[in-house]
Amino acid sequence: MNTLREELHELIDRLPESQVAPILALVRESTPAEDGGQNWPLPDFVGALSSGKGDLGARSGEILRAEMGREAE
């Protein structure tokens, strides 16, 4: 195995469980199916919980202020 593949394997092994599904979806998009046919179909739920803005619990105050029209303290 070449060094790039080895590095990829090591990085994947270190991923937190919450990041596995989104990364798997990206890899599947880029990889042909094993039978050489169409790309892997993605399940409907992939990416459903990804807001792209980090932990919503940690940002709850910011979100509430924005919804209520108040400035950050």
Protein backbone atom coordinates (compact mmCIF):
# COMPACT_ATOMS: atom_id res chain seq x y z
CA MET A 1 0.00 0.00 0.00
CA ASN A 2 1.38 3.45 -0.81
CA THR A 3 1.95 6.14 1.81
CA LEU A 4 -1.10 8.23 0.82
CA ARG A 5 -3.44 5.26 1.32
CA GLU A 6 -1.74 4.43 4.61
CA GLU A 7 -2.22 8.02 5.81
CA LEU A 8 -5.88 7.94 4.74
CA HIS A 9 -6.45 4.71 6.66
CA GLU A 10 -4.80 6.17 9.77
CA LEU A 11 -6.89 9.35 9.59
CA ILE A 12 -10.12 7.42 9.12
CA ASP A 13 -9.31 5.25 12.13
CA ARG A 14 -8.90 8.41 14.25
CA LEU A 15 -12.21 9.98 13.20
CA PRO A 16 -14.81 10.50 15.91
CA GLU A 17 -17.88 8.33 15.36
CA SER A 18 -20.03 11.40 14.60
CA GLN A 19 -17.91 12.17 11.53
CA VAL A 20 -17.94 8.71 9.97
CA ALA A 21 -21.26 8.97 8.07
CA PRO A 22 -20.51 12.33 6.37
CA ILE A 23 -17.01 11.22 5.35
CA LEU A 24 -18.34 7.86 4.14
CA ALA A 25 -20.88 9.71 1.98
CA LEU A 26 -18.10 11.79 0.40
CA VAL A 27 -15.97 8.74 -0.32
CA ARG A 28 -18.93 6.85 -1.78
CA GLU A 29 -19.68 9.82 -4.07
CA SER A 30 -16.15 9.63 -5.43
CA THR A 31 -15.91 5.86 -5.76
CA PRO A 32 -17.53 3.68 -8.43
CA ALA A 33 -19.61 0.77 -7.18
CA GLU A 34 -17.82 -2.57 -6.90
CA ASP A 35 -19.62 -3.93 -9.96
CA GLY A 36 -18.35 -1.01 -12.05
CA GLY A 37 -21.88 0.32 -12.45
CA GLN A 38 -23.34 3.51 -11.09
CA ASN A 39 -22.09 5.22 -7.94
CA TRP A 40 -23.27 4.02 -4.56
CA PRO A 41 -26.73 5.33 -3.68
CA LEU A 42 -26.77 7.50 -0.57
CA PRO A 43 -29.42 6.86 2.07
CA ASP A 44 -31.93 9.70 2.49
CA PHE A 45 -30.76 10.45 6.04
CA VAL A 46 -27.12 11.20 5.13
CA GLY A 47 -26.34 14.78 6.10
CA ALA A 48 -29.75 15.36 7.69
CA LEU A 49 -28.25 16.61 10.95
CA SER A 50 -25.35 18.61 9.51
CA SER A 51 -25.97 22.32 9.86
CA GLY A 52 -22.38 23.20 8.95
CA LYS A 53 -22.19 25.56 11.94
CA GLY A 54 -20.90 23.33 14.70
CA ASP A 55 -22.51 22.24 17.94
CA LEU A 56 -25.98 23.77 18.23
CA GLY A 57 -25.98 23.28 22.02
CA ALA A 58 -22.85 25.40 22.35
CA ARG A 59 -24.41 28.06 20.10
CA SER A 60 -27.86 28.08 21.73
CA GLY A 61 -27.43 31.56 23.26
CA GLU A 62 -26.28 32.99 19.93
CA ILE A 63 -29.20 31.36 18.11
CA LEU A 64 -31.77 32.61 20.65
CA ARG A 65 -30.39 36.16 20.54
CA ALA A 66 -30.52 36.16 16.76
CA GLU A 67 -34.12 34.92 16.78
CA MET A 68 -35.14 37.54 19.36
CA GLY A 69 -33.24 40.36 17.62
CA ARG A 70 -30.86 41.07 20.50
CA GLU A 71 -27.15 41.81 20.30
CA ALA A 72 -24.58 39.52 21.89
CA GLU A 73 -23.55 40.51 25.43
